[in-house]
Amino acid sequence: MRAVQYTEIGAPPVVVDVPTPEPGPGEVLLRVTAAGVCHSDITVMDWSASEYPYPLPLTLGHEGAGVVAAVGPGVEWMAEGESCVVYGPWGCGTCRKCAVGKENYCLRADRLGIRPPGLGAPGALAEYLLVDDPRHLVPIGDLDPVRAVPLTDAGLTPYHAIARSASKLVPGSTAVVIGAGGLGHLGIQILRATTAARVVALDVSEEKMELAREVGAHVVFPSDQRAPEAVRELTGGGADVVLDFVGLPATAAIAAACAGVESDVVLVGVEGGSVEVGFGTLPFETTVTAPYWGSRGELLEVLDLARSGQVEAEVERYGLEEAPAVYERLRARRIRGRGVIVPGG
């Protein structure tokens, strides 16, 4: 089968031929119908040799959708031909966090060497994907897999981040979204669908600012040094929740400067940004968090929002052979919404 692999530290990904996997006991083989391209992959490929923790070569892609092609012994309730998306943050399945569906916070994954597809385990940017357990598959029925696949991360991660701050997103509150790209444009829709907050979007790109308006942001500002002052003036002192979907040092600084008293600053992006916490460094009772992905139950809720038409991913569709060029487009921030690879089509 064809697959997109990261093969050498510092080198661009390549499309290669690799053996098609066969499902063992308890495993499910998917024929991939769609796979999302995420900026987190670029972060991984930018790590130095001393930072990089995964085996090489690595098949990329942690957002996956497909149809069941085959099942291993012991798998009884997954039918061949069923259309599914993959819940990515795999865990042990037995610890306290996994028992309530929070495999994104599995207490044993690191110790046991359990890795998500595309982030340690072979990923979805291939013609076939081997899934370790049917519990990591969510049937999607007649949902379009190309539009559904970004919801497994670019939708689930904002949903989880927003849900943690639900008690602060009441009528009269303001939520700031920094970055209106792959995660941010879905975060804006989730805020509009699930909260009463006024949504303010910040971005450096005119195209992304226009996308933010299209998907429901009430107010849009350029993401520059003047943005915090504009937010404080609009809100009378600072936002209730600030969600940084970029995570650069510069955007983290903007996030902190936009925060109001008793607010939440949520660092979702993974590009090295941080916020200093201490008495006097932030408004009183500001909480700073860095959540990771989301629970299996939350993925079901995100998919239900898509079924109801309240959330829809903006996608750019590409073939498998185009994936290396798509990563270059993503690095240059030229993807509007989410880039999705469709093997064979």
C-alpha atoms as a PDB file:
ATOM      1  CA  MET A   1       0.000   0.000   0.000  1.00  0.00           C
ATOM      2  CA  ARG A   2       1.001   3.660  -0.364  1.00  0.00           C
ATOM      3  CA  ALA A   3       1.749   5.648   2.780  1.00  0.00           C
ATOM      4  CA  VAL A   4       3.120   9.070   3.753  1.00  0.00           C
ATOM      5  CA  GLN A   5       6.083   8.621   6.040  1.00  0.00           C
ATOM      6  CA  TYR A   6       8.520  10.720   7.993  1.00  0.00           C
ATOM      7  CA  THR A   7      11.734   8.774   7.401  1.00  0.00           C
ATOM      8  CA  GLU A   8      14.651  10.951   8.510  1.00  0.00           C
ATOM      9  CA  ILE A   9      15.118  13.670  11.134  1.00  0.00           C
ATOM     10  CA  GLY A  10      14.823  17.058   9.452  1.00  0.00           C
ATOM     11  CA  ALA A  11      13.783  15.656   6.072  1.00  0.00           C
ATOM     12  CA  PRO A  12      10.380  16.265   4.434  1.00  0.00           C
ATOM     13  CA  PRO A  13       7.817  13.433   4.418  1.00  0.00           C
ATOM     14  CA  VAL A  14       7.716  11.109   1.417  1.00  0.00           C
ATOM     15  CA  VAL A  15       5.187   8.774  -0.195  1.00  0.00           C
ATOM     16  CA  VAL A  16       6.394   5.170  -0.098  1.00  0.00           C
ATOM     17  CA  ASP A  17       5.212   1.605  -0.624  1.00  0.00           C
ATOM     18  CA  VAL A  18       4.834  -0.441   2.570  1.00  0.00           C
ATOM     19  CA  PRO A  19       3.197  -3.795   3.311  1.00  0.00           C
ATOM     20  CA  THR A  20      -0.551  -3.729   3.952  1.00  0.00           C
ATOM     21  CA  PRO A  21      -1.093  -4.687   7.603  1.00  0.00           C
ATOM     22  CA  GLU A  22      -3.223  -7.617   8.639  1.00  0.00           C
ATOM     23  CA  PRO A  23      -5.413  -7.446  11.761  1.00  0.00           C
ATOM     24  CA  GLY A  24      -4.412  -9.629  14.663  1.00  0.00           C
ATOM     25  CA  PRO A  25      -6.571 -10.646  17.643  1.00  0.00           C
ATOM     26  CA  GLY A  26      -8.832  -7.764  18.694  1.00  0.00           C
ATOM     27  CA  GLU A  27      -7.673  -5.476  15.880  1.00  0.00           C
ATOM     28  CA  VAL A  28      -9.545  -3.807  13.009  1.00  0.00           C
ATOM     29  CA  LEU A  29      -8.193  -2.938   9.562  1.00  0.00           C
ATOM     30  CA  LEU A  30      -9.631   0.201   7.960  1.00  0.00           C
ATOM     31  CA  ARG A  31      -9.501   1.140   4.314  1.00  0.00           C
ATOM     32  CA  VAL A  32      -8.793   4.830   4.759  1.00  0.00           C
ATOM     33  CA  THR A  33     -11.321   7.178   3.164  1.00  0.00           C
ATOM     34  CA  ALA A  34      -9.968  10.439   4.633  1.00  0.00           C
ATOM     35  CA  ALA A  35      -7.070  11.641   6.778  1.00  0.00           C
ATOM     36  CA  GLY A  36      -6.511  15.105   8.207  1.00  0.00           C
ATOM     37  CA  VAL A  37      -3.241  17.029   7.954  1.00  0.00           C
ATOM     38  CA  CYS A  38      -2.394  18.818  11.214  1.00  0.00           C
ATOM     39  CA  HIS A  39       0.192  21.410  12.200  1.00  0.00           C
ATOM     40  CA  SER A  40       1.151  19.135  15.104  1.00  0.00           C
ATOM     41  CA  ASP A  41       2.769  16.859  12.511  1.00  0.00           C
ATOM     42  CA  ILE A  42       5.029  19.731  11.478  1.00  0.00           C
ATOM     43  CA  THR A  43       5.930  20.323  15.124  1.00  0.00           C
ATOM     44  CA  VAL A  44       6.928  16.640  15.392  1.00  0.00           C
ATOM     45  CA  MET A  45       8.991  16.814  12.180  1.00  0.00           C
ATOM     46  CA  ASP A  46      10.753  19.945  13.438  1.00  0.00           C
ATOM     47  CA  TRP A  47      12.029  18.232  16.587  1.00  0.00           C
ATOM     48  CA  SER A  48      15.767  17.586  16.787  1.00  0.00           C
ATOM     49  CA  ALA A  49      17.144  14.056  17.043  1.00  0.00           C
ATOM     50  CA  SER A  50      17.432  14.432  20.830  1.00  0.00           C
ATOM     51  CA  GLU A  51      13.789  15.580  21.121  1.00  0.00           C
ATOM     52  CA  TYR A  52      12.188  13.079  18.741  1.00  0.00           C
ATOM     53  CA  PRO A  53      10.684  10.177  20.764  1.00  0.00           C
ATOM     54  CA  TYR A  54       9.138   7.903  18.109  1.00  0.00           C
ATOM     55  CA  PRO A  55      10.471   5.131  15.874  1.00  0.00           C
ATOM     56  CA  LEU A  56      11.422   5.901  12.273  1.00  0.00           C
ATOM     57  CA  PRO A  57      10.033   5.615   9.692  1.00  0.00           C
ATOM     58  CA  LEU A  58       6.680   6.901  10.951  1.00  0.00           C
ATOM     59  CA  THR A  59       3.488   6.874   8.908  1.00  0.00           C
ATOM     60  CA  LEU A  60       1.883  10.244   9.638  1.00  0.00           C
ATOM     61  CA  GLY A  61      -1.752  11.192  10.237  1.00  0.00           C
ATOM     62  CA  HIS A  62      -3.596  11.252  13.555  1.00  0.00           C
ATOM     63  CA  GLU A  63      -7.009  12.163  12.101  1.00  0.00           C
ATOM     64  CA  GLY A  64      -8.418   9.110  10.364  1.00  0.00           C
ATOM     65  CA  ALA A  65     -11.655   7.879   8.808  1.00  0.00           C
ATOM     66  CA  GLY A  66     -12.345   4.729   6.847  1.00  0.00           C
ATOM     67  CA  VAL A  67     -14.473   1.702   6.222  1.00  0.00           C
ATOM     68  CA  VAL A  68     -13.866  -1.611   7.977  1.00  0.00           C
ATOM     69  CA  ALA A  69     -11.932  -3.841   5.572  1.00  0.00           C
ATOM     70  CA  ALA A  70     -11.206  -6.767   7.897  1.00  0.00           C
ATOM     71  CA  VAL A  71     -11.329  -7.705  11.569  1.00  0.00           C
ATOM     72  CA  GLY A  72      -9.089  -9.893  13.652  1.00  0.00           C
ATOM     73  CA  PRO A  73     -10.123 -12.844  15.830  1.00  0.00           C
ATOM     74  CA  GLY A  74     -12.345 -11.843  18.724  1.00  0.00           C
ATOM     75  CA  VAL A  75     -13.862  -8.769  17.039  1.00  0.00           C
ATOM     76  CA  GLU A  76     -17.558  -9.490  16.712  1.00  0.00           C
ATOM     77  CA  TRP A  77     -19.501  -6.221  16.630  1.00  0.00           C
ATOM     78  CA  MET A  78     -17.686  -4.366  13.816  1.00  0.00           C
ATOM     79  CA  ALA A  79     -19.095  -5.179  10.381  1.00  0.00           C
ATOM     80  CA  GLU A  80     -17.035  -5.022   7.212  1.00  0.00           C
ATOM     81  CA  GLY A  81     -17.964  -1.963   5.158  1.00  0.00           C
ATOM     82  CA  GLU A  82     -18.988   0.130   8.185  1.00  0.00           C
ATOM     83  CA  SER A  83     -17.881   3.781   7.921  1.00  0.00           C
ATOM     84  CA  CYS A  84     -16.053   5.040  11.020  1.00  0.00           C
ATOM     85  CA  VAL A  85     -13.744   7.701  12.356  1.00  0.00           C
ATOM     86  CA  VAL A  86     -10.826   6.908  14.628  1.00  0.00           C
ATOM     87  CA  TYR A  87     -10.602   8.158  18.210  1.00  0.00           C
ATOM     88  CA  GLY A  88      -6.923   9.077  18.252  1.00  0.00           C
ATOM     89  CA  PRO A  89      -5.567   9.350  21.817  1.00  0.00           C
ATOM     90  CA  TRP A  90      -5.293   5.630  22.553  1.00  0.00           C
ATOM     91  CA  GLY A  91      -4.871   4.514  26.153  1.00  0.00           C
ATOM     92  CA  CYS A  92      -4.613   1.307  28.130  1.00  0.00           C
ATOM     93  CA  GLY A  93      -8.381   0.982  28.523  1.00  0.00           C
ATOM     94  CA  THR A  94      -8.219  -0.033  32.187  1.00  0.00           C
ATOM     95  CA  CYS A  95      -6.879   2.841  34.315  1.00  0.00           C
ATOM     96  CA  ARG A  96      -9.189   5.289  36.116  1.00  0.00           C
ATOM     97  CA  LYS A  97      -9.085   7.832  33.299  1.00  0.00           C
ATOM     98  CA  CYS A  98      -9.648   5.299  30.522  1.00  0.00           C
ATOM     99  CA  ALA A  99     -12.541   3.744  32.456  1.00  0.00           C
ATOM    100  CA  VAL A 100     -14.546   6.961  31.997  1.00  0.00           C
ATOM    101  CA  GLY A 101     -13.528   7.453  28.365  1.00  0.00           C
ATOM    102  CA  LYS A 102     -10.677   9.899  29.037  1.00  0.00           C
ATOM    103  CA  GLU A 103      -8.024   7.944  27.184  1.00  0.00           C
ATOM    104  CA  ASN A 104      -6.429  11.265  26.270  1.00  0.00           C
ATOM    105  CA  TYR A 105      -5.317  11.349  29.917  1.00  0.00           C
ATOM    106  CA  CYS A 106      -4.412   7.649  30.264  1.00  0.00           C
ATOM    107  CA  LEU A 107      -2.249   7.137  33.331  1.00  0.00           C
ATOM    108  CA  ARG A 108      -0.294   4.222  31.866  1.00  0.00           C
ATOM    109  CA  ALA A 109       0.159   5.004  28.150  1.00  0.00           C
ATOM    110  CA  ASP A 110       3.712   6.348  28.441  1.00  0.00           C
ATOM    111  CA  ARG A 111       4.859   3.482  30.630  1.00  0.00           C
ATOM    112  CA  LEU A 112       3.305   0.888  28.329  1.00  0.00           C
ATOM    113  CA  GLY A 113       4.509   2.539  25.121  1.00  0.00           C
ATOM    114  CA  ILE A 114       0.984   3.151  23.813  1.00  0.00           C
ATOM    115  CA  ARG A 115       1.021   5.855  21.127  1.00  0.00           C
ATOM    116  CA  PRO A 116      -1.687   7.481  18.990  1.00  0.00           C
ATOM    117  CA  PRO A 117      -1.768   6.681  15.283  1.00  0.00           C
ATOM    118  CA  GLY A 118       0.514   9.114  13.480  1.00  0.00           C
ATOM    119  CA  LEU A 119       2.136  10.131  16.761  1.00  0.00           C
ATOM    120  CA  GLY A 120       4.169   7.030  17.464  1.00  0.00           C
ATOM    121  CA  ALA A 121       1.992   4.292  15.967  1.00  0.00           C
ATOM    122  CA  PRO A 122       1.484   3.996  12.170  1.00  0.00           C
ATOM    123  CA  GLY A 123      -1.002   6.691  11.146  1.00  0.00           C
ATOM    124  CA  ALA A 124      -3.859   7.323   8.755  1.00  0.00           C
ATOM    125  CA  LEU A 125      -1.979   8.919   5.841  1.00  0.00           C
ATOM    126  CA  ALA A 126      -2.023   5.608   4.023  1.00  0.00           C
ATOM    127  CA  GLU A 127      -4.371   3.406   2.082  1.00  0.00           C
ATOM    128  CA  TYR A 128      -5.003   1.232   5.148  1.00  0.00           C
ATOM    129  CA  LEU A 129      -4.836   1.812   8.907  1.00  0.00           C
ATOM    130  CA  LEU A 130      -4.588  -0.834  11.618  1.00  0.00           C
ATOM    131  CA  VAL A 131      -6.643   0.096  14.703  1.00  0.00           C
ATOM    132  CA  ASP A 132      -5.648  -1.597  17.945  1.00  0.00           C
ATOM    133  CA  ASP A 133      -9.146  -1.993  19.404  1.00  0.00           C
ATOM    134  CA  PRO A 134     -12.715  -1.505  18.116  1.00  0.00           C
ATOM    135  CA  ARG A 135     -13.429   0.855  21.037  1.00  0.00           C
ATOM    136  CA  HIS A 136     -11.292   3.396  19.178  1.00  0.00           C
ATOM    137  CA  LEU A 137     -13.703   3.442  16.250  1.00  0.00           C
ATOM    138  CA  VAL A 138     -16.885   5.547  16.125  1.00  0.00           C
ATOM    139  CA  PRO A 139     -19.423   4.723  13.385  1.00  0.00           C
ATOM    140  CA  ILE A 140     -20.486   7.840  11.470  1.00  0.00           C
ATOM    141  CA  GLY A 141     -23.315   6.495   9.322  1.00  0.00           C
ATOM    142  CA  ASP A 142     -23.938   8.763   6.343  1.00  0.00           C
ATOM    143  CA  LEU A 143     -21.699  11.639   7.504  1.00  0.00           C
ATOM    144  CA  ASP A 144     -19.197  12.622   4.815  1.00  0.00           C
ATOM    145  CA  PRO A 145     -15.859  11.189   6.040  1.00  0.00           C
ATOM    146  CA  VAL A 146     -13.916  14.039   4.414  1.00  0.00           C
ATOM    147  CA  ARG A 147     -15.770  16.606   6.523  1.00  0.00           C
ATOM    148  CA  ALA A 148     -16.047  14.330   9.565  1.00  0.00           C
ATOM    149  CA  VAL A 149     -12.381  13.392   9.877  1.00  0.00           C
ATOM    150  CA  PRO A 150     -11.180  16.835  11.099  1.00  0.00           C
ATOM    151  CA  LEU A 151     -13.642  16.547  13.964  1.00  0.00           C
ATOM    152  CA  THR A 152     -11.516  13.775  15.528  1.00  0.00           C
ATOM    153  CA  ASP A 153      -8.884  16.344  16.528  1.00  0.00           C
ATOM    154  CA  ALA A 154      -9.518  19.808  15.084  1.00  0.00           C
ATOM    155  CA  GLY A 155     -13.089  19.539  16.398  1.00  0.00           C
ATOM    156  CA  LEU A 156     -12.607  17.378  19.487  1.00  0.00           C
ATOM    157  CA  THR A 157      -9.706  19.387  20.917  1.00  0.00           C
ATOM    158  CA  PRO A 158     -11.548  22.748  20.892  1.00  0.00           C
ATOM    159  CA  TYR A 159     -14.717  21.059  22.140  1.00  0.00           C
ATOM    160  CA  HIS A 160     -12.871  19.658  25.147  1.00  0.00           C
ATOM    161  CA  ALA A 161     -11.134  22.972  25.835  1.00  0.00           C
ATOM    162  CA  ILE A 162     -14.397  24.911  25.645  1.00  0.00           C
ATOM    163  CA  ALA A 163     -16.342  22.401  27.760  1.00  0.00           C
ATOM    164  CA  ARG A 164     -13.877  22.866  30.640  1.00  0.00           C
ATOM    165  CA  SER A 165     -14.813  26.565  30.762  1.00  0.00           C
ATOM    166  CA  ALA A 166     -18.562  26.139  30.210  1.00  0.00           C
ATOM    167  CA  SER A 167     -19.490  27.690  33.567  1.00  0.00           C
ATOM    168  CA  LYS A 168     -17.845  30.978  32.531  1.00  0.00           C
ATOM    169  CA  LEU A 169     -19.379  31.134  29.045  1.00  0.00           C
ATOM    170  CA  VAL A 170     -22.730  32.534  30.186  1.00  0.00           C
ATOM    171  CA  PRO A 171     -24.852  35.335  28.696  1.00  0.00           C
ATOM    172  CA  GLY A 172     -22.830  38.553  28.743  1.00  0.00           C
ATOM    173  CA  SER A 173     -19.470  36.740  28.693  1.00  0.00           C
ATOM    174  CA  THR A 174     -16.781  37.015  26.027  1.00  0.00           C
ATOM    175  CA  ALA A 175     -14.591  34.270  24.588  1.00  0.00           C
ATOM    176  CA  VAL A 176     -11.504  35.141  22.549  1.00  0.00           C
ATOM    177  CA  VAL A 177     -10.283  32.713  19.893  1.00  0.00           C
ATOM    178  CA  ILE A 178      -6.681  33.246  18.780  1.00  0.00           C
ATOM    179  CA  GLY A 179      -6.089  31.625  15.398  1.00  0.00           C
ATOM    180  CA  ALA A 180      -8.977  30.949  13.010  1.00  0.00           C
ATOM    181  CA  GLY A 181      -7.356  28.062  11.155  1.00  0.00           C
ATOM    182  CA  GLY A 182      -7.926  24.311  11.431  1.00  0.00           C
ATOM    183  CA  LEU A 183      -8.854  24.257  15.131  1.00  0.00           C
ATOM    184  CA  GLY A 184      -9.942  27.850  15.556  1.00  0.00           C
ATOM    185  CA  HIS A 185     -12.623  27.932  12.861  1.00  0.00           C
ATOM    186  CA  LEU A 186     -14.236  24.894  14.481  1.00  0.00           C
ATOM    187  CA  GLY A 187     -13.770  26.370  17.956  1.00  0.00           C
ATOM    188  CA  ILE A 188     -15.752  29.443  16.876  1.00  0.00           C
ATOM    189  CA  GLN A 189     -18.619  27.241  15.679  1.00  0.00           C
ATOM    190  CA  ILE A 190     -18.563  25.166  18.867  1.00  0.00           C
ATOM    191  CA  LEU A 191     -18.697  28.305  21.002  1.00  0.00           C
ATOM    192  CA  ARG A 192     -21.683  29.568  19.017  1.00  0.00           C
ATOM    193  CA  ALA A 193     -23.452  26.184  19.186  1.00  0.00           C
ATOM    194  CA  THR A 194     -22.883  25.359  22.857  1.00  0.00           C
ATOM    195  CA  THR A 195     -22.509  28.664  24.732  1.00  0.00           C
ATOM    196  CA  ALA A 196     -24.073  32.111  25.034  1.00  0.00           C
ATOM    197  CA  ALA A 197     -20.717  33.927  24.870  1.00  0.00           C
ATOM    198  CA  ARG A 198     -19.810  36.719  22.505  1.00  0.00           C
ATOM    199  CA  VAL A 199     -17.024  35.339  20.291  1.00  0.00           C
ATOM    200  CA  VAL A 200     -14.039  37.496  19.383  1.00  0.00           C
ATOM    201  CA  ALA A 201     -11.596  36.050  16.833  1.00  0.00           C
ATOM    202  CA  LEU A 202      -7.992  37.142  16.301  1.00  0.00           C
ATOM    203  CA  ASP A 203      -5.769  36.205  13.360  1.00  0.00           C
ATOM    204  CA  VAL A 204      -2.910  37.668  11.333  1.00  0.00           C
ATOM    205  CA  SER A 205      -4.353  36.546   7.988  1.00  0.00           C
ATOM    206  CA  GLU A 206      -7.082  38.498   6.213  1.00  0.00           C
ATOM    207  CA  GLU A 207      -8.331  35.221   4.708  1.00  0.00           C
ATOM    208  CA  LYS A 208      -8.570  33.564   8.141  1.00  0.00           C
ATOM    209  CA  MET A 209     -10.253  36.658   9.567  1.00  0.00           C
ATOM    210  CA  GLU A 210     -12.859  36.419   6.810  1.00  0.00           C
ATOM    211  CA  LEU A 211     -13.317  32.698   7.559  1.00  0.00           C
ATOM    212  CA  ALA A 212     -13.864  33.595  11.224  1.00  0.00           C
ATOM    213  CA  ARG A 213     -16.661  35.964  10.220  1.00  0.00           C
ATOM    214  CA  GLU A 214     -18.192  33.344   7.927  1.00  0.00           C
ATOM    215  CA  VAL A 215     -18.369  30.702  10.664  1.00  0.00           C
ATOM    216  CA  GLY A 216     -19.920  32.992  13.271  1.00  0.00           C
ATOM    217  CA  ALA A 217     -17.438  35.210  15.116  1.00  0.00           C
ATOM    218  CA  HIS A 218     -19.233  38.286  16.434  1.00  0.00           C
ATOM    219  CA  VAL A 219     -16.111  40.474  16.340  1.00  0.00           C
ATOM    220  CA  VAL A 220     -12.812  40.010  14.478  1.00  0.00           C
ATOM    221  CA  PHE A 221      -9.550  41.848  15.181  1.00  0.00           C
ATOM    222  CA  PRO A 222      -6.050  41.504  13.723  1.00  0.00           C
ATOM    223  CA  SER A 223      -3.870  39.443  16.041  1.00  0.00           C
ATOM    224  CA  ASP A 224      -1.209  42.033  16.797  1.00  0.00           C
ATOM    225  CA  GLN A 225       0.058  44.052  19.748  1.00  0.00           C
ATOM    226  CA  ARG A 226      -3.067  46.220  19.656  1.00  0.00           C
ATOM    227  CA  ALA A 227      -5.422  43.276  20.012  1.00  0.00           C
ATOM    228  CA  PRO A 228      -5.383  43.051  23.840  1.00  0.00           C
ATOM    229  CA  GLU A 229      -6.283  46.728  24.174  1.00  0.00           C
ATOM    230  CA  ALA A 230      -9.137  46.262  21.676  1.00  0.00           C
ATOM    231  CA  VAL A 231     -10.421  43.251  23.646  1.00  0.00           C
ATOM    232  CA  ARG A 232     -10.178  45.059  27.000  1.00  0.00           C
ATOM    233  CA  GLU A 233     -12.004  48.060  25.587  1.00  0.00           C
ATOM    234  CA  LEU A 234     -14.723  45.860  24.087  1.00  0.00           C
ATOM    235  CA  THR A 235     -15.218  43.888  27.306  1.00  0.00           C
ATOM    236  CA  GLY A 236     -14.619  46.588  29.877  1.00  0.00           C
ATOM    237  CA  GLY A 237     -11.606  44.881  31.406  1.00  0.00           C
ATOM    238  CA  GLY A 238     -10.770  41.603  29.692  1.00  0.00           C
ATOM    239  CA  ALA A 239     -12.283  38.399  28.319  1.00  0.00           C
ATOM    240  CA  ASP A 240     -13.776  35.603  30.404  1.00  0.00           C
ATOM    241  CA  VAL A 241     -12.148  32.822  28.372  1.00  0.00           C
ATOM    242  CA  VAL A 242      -9.175  33.094  26.001  1.00  0.00           C
ATOM    243  CA  LEU A 243      -8.391  30.128  23.741  1.00  0.00           C
ATOM    244  CA  ASP A 244      -5.003  30.168  22.005  1.00  0.00           C
ATOM    245  CA  PHE A 245      -5.179  27.696  19.120  1.00  0.00           C
ATOM    246  CA  VAL A 246      -1.754  28.734  17.793  1.00  0.00           C
ATOM    247  CA  GLY A 247       0.480  28.406  20.826  1.00  0.00           C
ATOM    248  CA  LEU A 248       3.416  30.539  19.734  1.00  0.00           C
ATOM    249  CA  PRO A 249       5.185  32.654  22.374  1.00  0.00           C
ATOM    250  CA  ALA A 250       3.689  35.757  20.733  1.00  0.00           C
ATOM    251  CA  THR A 251       0.120  34.427  20.775  1.00  0.00           C
ATOM    252  CA  ALA A 252       0.460  33.171  24.356  1.00  0.00           C
ATOM    253  CA  ALA A 253       1.494  36.698  25.354  1.00  0.00           C
ATOM    254  CA  ILE A 254      -1.566  38.100  23.585  1.00  0.00           C
ATOM    255  CA  ALA A 255      -3.766  35.519  25.318  1.00  0.00           C
ATOM    256  CA  ALA A 256      -2.495  36.543  28.750  1.00  0.00           C
ATOM    257  CA  ALA A 257      -2.948  40.235  27.945  1.00  0.00           C
ATOM    258  CA  CYS A 258      -6.570  39.648  26.844  1.00  0.00           C
ATOM    259  CA  ALA A 259      -7.554  37.906  30.084  1.00  0.00           C
ATOM    260  CA  GLY A 260      -9.860  39.461  32.654  1.00  0.00           C
ATOM    261  CA  VAL A 261     -10.386  38.840  36.361  1.00  0.00           C
ATOM    262  CA  GLU A 262     -11.468  35.230  37.150  1.00  0.00           C
ATOM    263  CA  SER A 263     -10.845  34.224  33.550  1.00  0.00           C
ATOM    264  CA  ASP A 264      -9.517  31.087  31.874  1.00  0.00           C
ATOM    265  CA  VAL A 265      -6.505  31.213  29.566  1.00  0.00           C
ATOM    266  CA  VAL A 266      -6.386  27.988  27.566  1.00  0.00           C
ATOM    267  CA  LEU A 267      -3.202  27.141  25.648  1.00  0.00           C
ATOM    268  CA  VAL A 268      -4.215  24.631  22.973  1.00  0.00           C
ATOM    269  CA  GLY A 269      -1.564  25.189  20.284  1.00  0.00           C
ATOM    270  CA  VAL A 270       1.740  23.344  20.685  1.00  0.00           C
ATOM    271  CA  GLU A 271       4.297  25.775  19.261  1.00  0.00           C
ATOM    272  CA  GLY A 272       6.233  26.491  22.419  1.00  0.00           C
ATOM    273  CA  GLY A 273       4.254  29.363  23.923  1.00  0.00           C
ATOM    274  CA  SER A 274       3.784  29.658  27.685  1.00  0.00           C
ATOM    275  CA  VAL A 275       2.250  32.022  30.226  1.00  0.00           C
ATOM    276  CA  GLU A 276       3.951  33.063  33.456  1.00  0.00           C
ATOM    277  CA  VAL A 277       1.769  32.388  36.488  1.00  0.00           C
ATOM    278  CA  GLY A 278       2.244  34.112  39.824  1.00  0.00           C
ATOM    279  CA  PHE A 279       0.763  36.795  42.007  1.00  0.00           C
ATOM    280  CA  GLY A 280       0.561  40.010  40.024  1.00  0.00           C
ATOM    281  CA  THR A 281       1.477  38.477  36.664  1.00  0.00           C
ATOM    282  CA  LEU A 282      -2.168  37.954  35.615  1.00  0.00           C
ATOM    283  CA  PRO A 283      -5.534  39.380  36.693  1.00  0.00           C
ATOM    284  CA  PHE A 284      -6.818  37.943  39.967  1.00  0.00           C
ATOM    285  CA  GLU A 285      -7.901  34.267  39.878  1.00  0.00           C
ATOM    286  CA  THR A 286      -6.919  33.738  36.267  1.00  0.00           C
ATOM    287  CA  THR A 287      -6.573  30.035  35.527  1.00  0.00           C
ATOM    288  CA  VAL A 288      -4.084  28.846  32.884  1.00  0.00           C
ATOM    289  CA  THR A 289      -4.510  25.371  31.416  1.00  0.00           C
ATOM    290  CA  ALA A 290      -3.016  23.310  28.596  1.00  0.00           C
ATOM    291  CA  PRO A 291      -5.576  20.602  27.729  1.00  0.00           C
ATOM    292  CA  TYR A 292      -4.890  17.674  25.417  1.00  0.00           C
ATOM    293  CA  TRP A 293      -7.311  16.292  22.822  1.00  0.00           C
ATOM    294  CA  GLY A 294     -10.623  15.073  24.357  1.00  0.00           C
ATOM    295  CA  SER A 295     -12.592  12.075  25.618  1.00  0.00           C
ATOM    296  CA  ARG A 296     -14.379   9.412  23.581  1.00  0.00           C
ATOM    297  CA  GLY A 297     -17.712  10.695  24.856  1.00  0.00           C
ATOM    298  CA  GLU A 298     -16.877  14.212  23.735  1.00  0.00           C
ATOM    299  CA  LEU A 299     -16.092  12.925  20.233  1.00  0.00           C
ATOM    300  CA  LEU A 300     -19.620  11.519  20.037  1.00  0.00           C
ATOM    301  CA  GLU A 301     -20.978  14.923  21.038  1.00  0.00           C
ATOM    302  CA  VAL A 302     -18.921  16.721  18.385  1.00  0.00           C
ATOM    303  CA  LEU A 303     -20.196  14.327  15.731  1.00  0.00           C
ATOM    304  CA  ASP A 304     -23.763  15.004  16.886  1.00  0.00           C
ATOM    305  CA  LEU A 305     -23.153  18.735  16.404  1.00  0.00           C
ATOM    306  CA  ALA A 306     -22.066  17.944  12.849  1.00  0.00           C
ATOM    307  CA  ARG A 307     -25.171  15.832  12.215  1.00  0.00           C
ATOM    308  CA  SER A 308     -27.373  18.704  13.361  1.00  0.00           C
ATOM    309  CA  GLY A 309     -25.580  21.112  11.021  1.00  0.00           C
ATOM    310  CA  GLN A 310     -24.248  23.305  13.838  1.00  0.00           C
ATOM    311  CA  VAL A 311     -20.588  22.506  13.113  1.00  0.00           C
ATOM    312  CA  GLU A 312     -19.023  21.952   9.691  1.00  0.00           C
ATOM    313  CA  ALA A 313     -15.340  21.717   8.897  1.00  0.00           C
ATOM    314  CA  GLU A 314     -13.970  23.872   6.103  1.00  0.00           C
ATOM    315  CA  VAL A 315     -11.759  21.470   4.134  1.00  0.00           C
ATOM    316  CA  GLU A 316      -9.332  21.425   1.242  1.00  0.00           C
ATOM    317  CA  ARG A 317      -9.244  18.004  -0.411  1.00  0.00           C
ATOM    318  CA  TYR A 318      -6.041  16.418  -1.808  1.00  0.00           C
ATOM    319  CA  GLY A 319      -4.806  13.051  -3.049  1.00  0.00           C
ATOM    320  CA  LEU A 320      -2.321  10.889  -1.151  1.00  0.00           C
ATOM    321  CA  GLU A 321       0.558  11.677  -3.510  1.00  0.00           C
ATOM    322  CA  GLU A 322       0.031  15.394  -2.817  1.00  0.00           C
ATOM    323  CA  ALA A 323       0.523  15.058   0.953  1.00  0.00           C
ATOM    324  CA  PRO A 324       4.159  16.282   1.098  1.00  0.00           C
ATOM    325  CA  ALA A 325       3.143  19.441  -0.780  1.00  0.00           C
ATOM    326  CA  VAL A 326       0.157  19.878   1.530  1.00  0.00           C
ATOM    327  CA  TYR A 327       2.507  19.966   4.520  1.00  0.00           C
ATOM    328  CA  GLU A 328       4.433  22.762   2.797  1.00  0.00           C
ATOM    329  CA  ARG A 329       1.177  24.658   2.237  1.00  0.00           C
ATOM    330  CA  LEU A 330       0.317  24.131   5.904  1.00  0.00           C
ATOM    331  CA  ARG A 331       3.748  25.322   7.016  1.00  0.00           C
ATOM    332  CA  ALA A 332       3.217  28.478   4.960  1.00  0.00           C
ATOM    333  CA  ARG A 333      -0.259  28.854   6.569  1.00  0.00           C
ATOM    334  CA  ARG A 334      -1.928  28.633   3.165  1.00  0.00           C
ATOM    335  CA  ILE A 335      -4.576  26.041   4.134  1.00  0.00           C
ATOM    336  CA  ARG A 336      -8.051  27.467   4.678  1.00  0.00           C
ATOM    337  CA  GLY A 337      -9.571  25.340   7.414  1.00  0.00           C
ATOM    338  CA  ARG A 338      -8.267  21.765   7.337  1.00  0.00           C
ATOM    339  CA  GLY A 339      -6.320  19.927   4.646  1.00  0.00           C
ATOM    340  CA  VAL A 340      -7.743  16.422   4.110  1.00  0.00           C
ATOM    341  CA  ILE A 341      -6.017  13.620   2.206  1.00  0.00           C
ATOM    342  CA  VAL A 342      -8.309  11.240   0.314  1.00  0.00           C
ATOM    343  CA  PRO A 343      -6.419   8.100  -0.755  1.00  0.00           C
ATOM    344  CA  GLY A 344      -7.420   7.015  -4.233  1.00  0.00           C
ATOM    345  CA  GLY A 345      -9.712   9.951  -4.897  1.00  0.00           C
END
